Amino acid sequence: MALANYRLQQALGGLFALTSFYSVSAVAQEANATGEVRRIDAASGKITIKHGEISELQLPAMTLVYRIDPALLKGIAPGDEVAFTARREDGHYVVTQISK
């Protein structure tokens, strides 16, 4: 089932996460990770990051679209390797800190 969900997420460009299978109280709400920036949509406040497993958020290795404050994107470009902090907020994943 997890593999099927992973493939579905990849097909949808990482727009969905596995949040429907986990209660919010059972999963950490914030975690640090590293990854590669694949796409930036500053106008929409979104960043796509390819990252390894983030066990604290129970996310497998994937490419995922995160919400982000556009002010945090200064100096960040597609192809950059970044360290970031992600948080689950209202069923969405949000990058709260990011650096090269």
N, C-alpha and C. Protein backbone atom coordinates (compact mmCIF):
# COMPACT_ATOMS: atom_id res chain seq x y z
N MET A 1 0.82 -1.19 0.00
CA MET A 1 0.00 0.00 0.00
C MET A 1 0.86 1.26 0.00
N ALA A 2 1.94 1.25 0.81
CA ALA A 2 2.81 2.43 0.86
C ALA A 2 3.46 2.69 -0.49
N LEU A 3 3.85 1.61 -1.20
CA LEU A 3 4.47 1.78 -2.51
C LEU A 3 3.47 2.38 -3.49
N ALA A 4 2.24 1.91 -3.44
CA ALA A 4 1.20 2.46 -4.32
C ALA A 4 0.98 3.94 -4.01
N ASN A 5 0.96 4.29 -2.73
CA ASN A 5 0.80 5.69 -2.36
C ASN A 5 1.99 6.51 -2.84
N TYR A 6 3.19 5.96 -2.71
CA TYR A 6 4.39 6.66 -3.16
C TYR A 6 4.30 6.94 -4.66
N ARG A 7 3.91 5.94 -5.43
CA ARG A 7 3.80 6.13 -6.88
C ARG A 7 2.74 7.16 -7.22
N LEU A 8 1.64 7.15 -6.49
CA LEU A 8 0.59 8.13 -6.73
C LEU A 8 1.11 9.54 -6.46
N GLN A 9 1.85 9.69 -5.37
CA GLN A 9 2.40 11.00 -5.05
C GLN A 9 3.36 11.47 -6.14
N GLN A 10 4.18 10.57 -6.64
CA GLN A 10 5.11 10.94 -7.70
C GLN A 10 4.33 11.36 -8.94
N ALA A 11 3.29 10.64 -9.27
CA ALA A 11 2.49 10.95 -10.45
C ALA A 11 1.82 12.31 -10.32
N LEU A 12 1.47 12.69 -9.13
CA LEU A 12 0.80 13.97 -8.91
C LEU A 12 1.79 15.09 -8.62
N GLY A 13 3.05 14.81 -8.86
CA GLY A 13 4.07 15.84 -8.66
C GLY A 13 4.33 16.16 -7.20
N GLY A 14 4.01 15.23 -6.33
CA GLY A 14 4.28 15.43 -4.91
C GLY A 14 3.32 16.37 -4.22
N LEU A 15 2.15 16.60 -4.82
CA LEU A 15 1.20 17.52 -4.23
C LEU A 15 0.52 16.98 -2.98
N PHE A 16 0.52 15.67 -2.83
CA PHE A 16 -0.15 15.08 -1.68
C PHE A 16 0.85 14.37 -0.81
N ALA A 17 0.63 14.38 0.48
CA ALA A 17 1.49 13.65 1.41
C ALA A 17 0.67 12.56 2.07
N LEU A 18 1.31 11.76 2.87
CA LEU A 18 0.64 10.62 3.48
C LEU A 18 -0.14 10.99 4.74
N THR A 19 -0.53 12.22 4.88
CA THR A 19 -1.17 12.67 6.11
C THR A 19 -2.48 11.95 6.39
N SER A 20 -3.18 11.49 5.39
CA SER A 20 -4.46 10.84 5.63
C SER A 20 -4.33 9.53 6.38
N PHE A 21 -3.12 8.96 6.42
CA PHE A 21 -2.93 7.67 7.09
C PHE A 21 -2.42 7.80 8.52
N TYR A 22 -2.11 9.00 8.95
CA TYR A 22 -1.53 9.19 10.26
C TYR A 22 -2.27 10.28 11.01
N SER A 23 -2.55 10.05 12.27
CA SER A 23 -3.17 11.10 13.05
C SER A 23 -2.11 12.14 13.35
N VAL A 24 -2.52 13.39 13.41
CA VAL A 24 -1.58 14.47 13.65
C VAL A 24 -0.89 14.29 15.00
N SER A 25 -1.59 13.82 16.01
CA SER A 25 -0.99 13.68 17.33
C SER A 25 0.05 12.57 17.38
N ALA A 26 0.01 11.63 16.45
CA ALA A 26 0.94 10.50 16.47
C ALA A 26 2.23 10.79 15.71
N VAL A 27 2.32 11.94 15.06
CA VAL A 27 3.46 12.25 14.21
C VAL A 27 4.09 13.56 14.67
N ALA A 28 5.40 13.62 14.64
CA ALA A 28 6.09 14.87 14.98
C ALA A 28 5.59 15.98 14.06
N GLN A 29 5.59 17.18 14.56
CA GLN A 29 5.07 18.30 13.79
C GLN A 29 6.16 19.08 13.06
N GLU A 30 7.44 18.83 13.37
CA GLU A 30 8.53 19.58 12.75
C GLU A 30 9.77 18.71 12.65
N ALA A 31 10.55 18.92 11.59
CA ALA A 31 11.77 18.12 11.41
C ALA A 31 12.76 18.88 10.53
N ASN A 32 14.04 18.55 10.70
CA ASN A 32 15.10 19.09 9.86
C ASN A 32 15.45 18.06 8.80
N ALA A 33 15.79 18.54 7.61
CA ALA A 33 16.12 17.64 6.50
C ALA A 33 17.03 18.36 5.51
N THR A 34 17.52 17.61 4.54
CA THR A 34 18.29 18.18 3.44
C THR A 34 17.69 17.66 2.14
N GLY A 35 17.93 18.40 1.07
CA GLY A 35 17.42 17.96 -0.22
C GLY A 35 17.86 18.88 -1.34
N GLU A 36 17.35 18.60 -2.52
CA GLU A 36 17.67 19.39 -3.72
C GLU A 36 16.42 20.14 -4.16
N VAL A 37 16.57 21.44 -4.35
CA VAL A 37 15.46 22.26 -4.85
C VAL A 37 15.23 21.90 -6.31
N ARG A 38 14.01 21.53 -6.63
CA ARG A 38 13.68 21.17 -8.01
C ARG A 38 12.93 22.29 -8.72
N ARG A 39 12.10 23.03 -7.97
CA ARG A 39 11.29 24.07 -8.60
C ARG A 39 10.91 25.09 -7.54
N ILE A 40 10.77 26.34 -7.97
CA ILE A 40 10.33 27.42 -7.08
C ILE A 40 9.20 28.16 -7.76
N ASP A 41 8.12 28.39 -7.03
CA ASP A 41 7.01 29.22 -7.49
C ASP A 41 6.78 30.28 -6.42
N ALA A 42 7.59 31.34 -6.48
CA ALA A 42 7.53 32.38 -5.46
C ALA A 42 6.17 33.06 -5.42
N ALA A 43 5.55 33.25 -6.58
CA ALA A 43 4.25 33.91 -6.62
C ALA A 43 3.19 33.15 -5.84
N SER A 44 3.29 31.83 -5.83
CA SER A 44 2.34 30.99 -5.10
C SER A 44 2.84 30.59 -3.71
N GLY A 45 4.07 30.96 -3.40
CA GLY A 45 4.65 30.59 -2.11
C GLY A 45 4.87 29.10 -1.99
N LYS A 46 5.44 28.49 -3.05
CA LYS A 46 5.68 27.05 -3.06
C LYS A 46 7.10 26.74 -3.52
N ILE A 47 7.65 25.68 -2.96
CA ILE A 47 8.97 25.18 -3.34
C ILE A 47 8.89 23.67 -3.43
N THR A 48 9.48 23.10 -4.47
CA THR A 48 9.51 21.65 -4.65
C THR A 48 10.90 21.17 -4.29
N ILE A 49 10.97 20.23 -3.34
CA ILE A 49 12.25 19.71 -2.86
C ILE A 49 12.26 18.19 -2.97
N LYS A 50 13.34 17.67 -3.55
CA LYS A 50 13.57 16.22 -3.58
C LYS A 50 14.42 15.90 -2.36
N HIS A 51 13.89 15.06 -1.48
CA HIS A 51 14.59 14.77 -0.22
C HIS A 51 14.53 13.29 0.11
N GLY A 52 15.40 12.89 1.01
CA GLY A 52 15.37 11.53 1.54
C GLY A 52 14.24 11.39 2.55
N GLU A 53 14.19 10.25 3.17
CA GLU A 53 13.17 9.99 4.18
C GLU A 53 13.27 11.02 5.30
N ILE A 54 12.11 11.51 5.74
CA ILE A 54 12.03 12.38 6.91
C ILE A 54 11.19 11.62 7.93
N SER A 55 11.87 10.80 8.72
CA SER A 55 11.17 9.88 9.61
C SER A 55 10.34 10.61 10.67
N GLU A 56 10.80 11.77 11.12
CA GLU A 56 10.05 12.50 12.14
C GLU A 56 8.66 12.91 11.65
N LEU A 57 8.52 13.11 10.36
CA LEU A 57 7.22 13.46 9.78
C LEU A 57 6.59 12.26 9.07
N GLN A 58 7.22 11.12 9.18
CA GLN A 58 6.79 9.88 8.53
C GLN A 58 6.59 10.07 7.03
N LEU A 59 7.57 10.73 6.40
CA LEU A 59 7.58 10.93 4.95
C LEU A 59 8.66 10.05 4.34
N PRO A 60 8.33 9.26 3.33
CA PRO A 60 9.36 8.49 2.63
C PRO A 60 10.18 9.44 1.76
N ALA A 61 11.28 8.95 1.21
CA ALA A 61 12.04 9.74 0.25
C ALA A 61 11.13 10.06 -0.93
N MET A 62 11.09 11.32 -1.32
CA MET A 62 10.19 11.74 -2.39
C MET A 62 10.53 13.14 -2.85
N THR A 63 9.83 13.58 -3.86
CA THR A 63 9.83 14.97 -4.29
C THR A 63 8.49 15.54 -3.87
N LEU A 64 8.53 16.59 -3.05
CA LEU A 64 7.30 17.11 -2.45
C LEU A 64 7.22 18.62 -2.60
N VAL A 65 6.02 19.12 -2.84
CA VAL A 65 5.78 20.56 -2.91
C VAL A 65 5.45 21.04 -1.50
N TYR A 66 6.23 22.00 -1.03
CA TYR A 66 6.03 22.60 0.29
C TYR A 66 5.55 24.04 0.13
N ARG A 67 4.79 24.50 1.08
CA ARG A 67 4.49 25.92 1.15
C ARG A 67 5.70 26.61 1.78
N ILE A 68 5.92 27.86 1.41
CA ILE A 68 7.06 28.61 1.95
C ILE A 68 6.77 30.10 1.85
N ASP A 69 7.23 30.86 2.84
CA ASP A 69 7.15 32.31 2.79
C ASP A 69 8.11 32.76 1.69
N PRO A 70 7.62 33.49 0.68
CA PRO A 70 8.51 33.91 -0.42
C PRO A 70 9.76 34.65 0.04
N ALA A 71 9.71 35.31 1.19
CA ALA A 71 10.89 36.02 1.70
C ALA A 71 12.04 35.06 2.00
N LEU A 72 11.73 33.80 2.30
CA LEU A 72 12.77 32.81 2.59
C LEU A 72 13.50 32.33 1.34
N LEU A 73 12.96 32.64 0.17
CA LEU A 73 13.52 32.13 -1.09
C LEU A 73 14.69 32.94 -1.62
N LYS A 74 15.01 34.06 -0.99
CA LYS A 74 16.10 34.92 -1.47
C LYS A 74 17.40 34.12 -1.52
N GLY A 75 18.01 34.07 -2.69
CA GLY A 75 19.28 33.37 -2.88
C GLY A 75 19.15 31.87 -3.11
N ILE A 76 17.93 31.35 -3.12
CA ILE A 76 17.69 29.92 -3.35
C ILE A 76 17.25 29.74 -4.80
N ALA A 77 17.80 28.74 -5.49
CA ALA A 77 17.47 28.50 -6.89
C ALA A 77 17.33 27.00 -7.15
N PRO A 78 16.59 26.63 -8.21
CA PRO A 78 16.51 25.21 -8.57
C PRO A 78 17.92 24.64 -8.76
N GLY A 79 18.13 23.43 -8.27
CA GLY A 79 19.42 22.77 -8.35
C GLY A 79 20.24 22.92 -7.08
N ASP A 80 19.88 23.87 -6.22
CA ASP A 80 20.61 24.07 -4.97
C ASP A 80 20.37 22.92 -4.01
N GLU A 81 21.43 22.51 -3.31
CA GLU A 81 21.32 21.57 -2.19
C GLU A 81 21.04 22.42 -0.96
N VAL A 82 19.99 22.10 -0.23
CA VAL A 82 19.58 22.93 0.90
C VAL A 82 19.37 22.10 2.16
N ALA A 83 19.50 22.78 3.29
CA ALA A 83 19.08 22.24 4.58
C ALA A 83 17.82 23.02 4.94
N PHE A 84 16.80 22.32 5.42
CA PHE A 84 15.55 23.01 5.71
C PHE A 84 14.85 22.41 6.92
N THR A 85 13.96 23.21 7.49
CA THR A 85 13.09 22.75 8.56
C THR A 85 11.68 22.76 8.00
N ALA A 86 11.00 21.64 8.12
CA ALA A 86 9.63 21.53 7.62
C ALA A 86 8.70 21.27 8.79
N ARG A 87 7.50 21.75 8.67
CA ARG A 87 6.49 21.60 9.70
C ARG A 87 5.17 21.21 9.05
N ARG A 88 4.39 20.43 9.76
CA ARG A 88 3.04 20.10 9.32
C ARG A 88 2.09 21.11 9.95
N GLU A 89 1.36 21.84 9.10
CA GLU A 89 0.40 22.84 9.57
C GLU A 89 -0.91 22.65 8.83
N ASP A 90 -1.95 22.38 9.57
CA ASP A 90 -3.29 22.23 8.98
C ASP A 90 -3.30 21.25 7.81
N GLY A 91 -2.56 20.15 7.95
CA GLY A 91 -2.56 19.12 6.92
C GLY A 91 -1.64 19.40 5.74
N HIS A 92 -0.88 20.49 5.80
CA HIS A 92 0.05 20.85 4.73
C HIS A 92 1.47 20.87 5.29
N TYR A 93 2.44 20.71 4.41
CA TYR A 93 3.83 20.80 4.82
C TYR A 93 4.37 22.17 4.45
N VAL A 94 5.04 22.80 5.42
CA VAL A 94 5.52 24.17 5.26
C VAL A 94 7.01 24.21 5.62
N VAL A 95 7.81 24.84 4.77
CA VAL A 95 9.21 25.07 5.09
C VAL A 95 9.27 26.34 5.92
N THR A 96 9.84 26.24 7.13
CA THR A 96 9.93 27.39 8.02
C THR A 96 11.32 28.00 8.05
N GLN A 97 12.34 27.22 7.64
CA GLN A 97 13.72 27.70 7.54
C GLN A 97 14.37 26.98 6.37
N ILE A 98 15.26 27.69 5.67
CA ILE A 98 15.97 27.06 4.56
C ILE A 98 17.31 27.77 4.36
N SER A 99 18.34 27.00 4.04
CA SER A 99 19.66 27.58 3.76
C SER A 99 20.42 26.66 2.81
N LYS A 100 21.40 27.25 2.10
CA LYS A 100 22.24 26.47 1.19
C LYS A 100 23.31 25.77 1.99
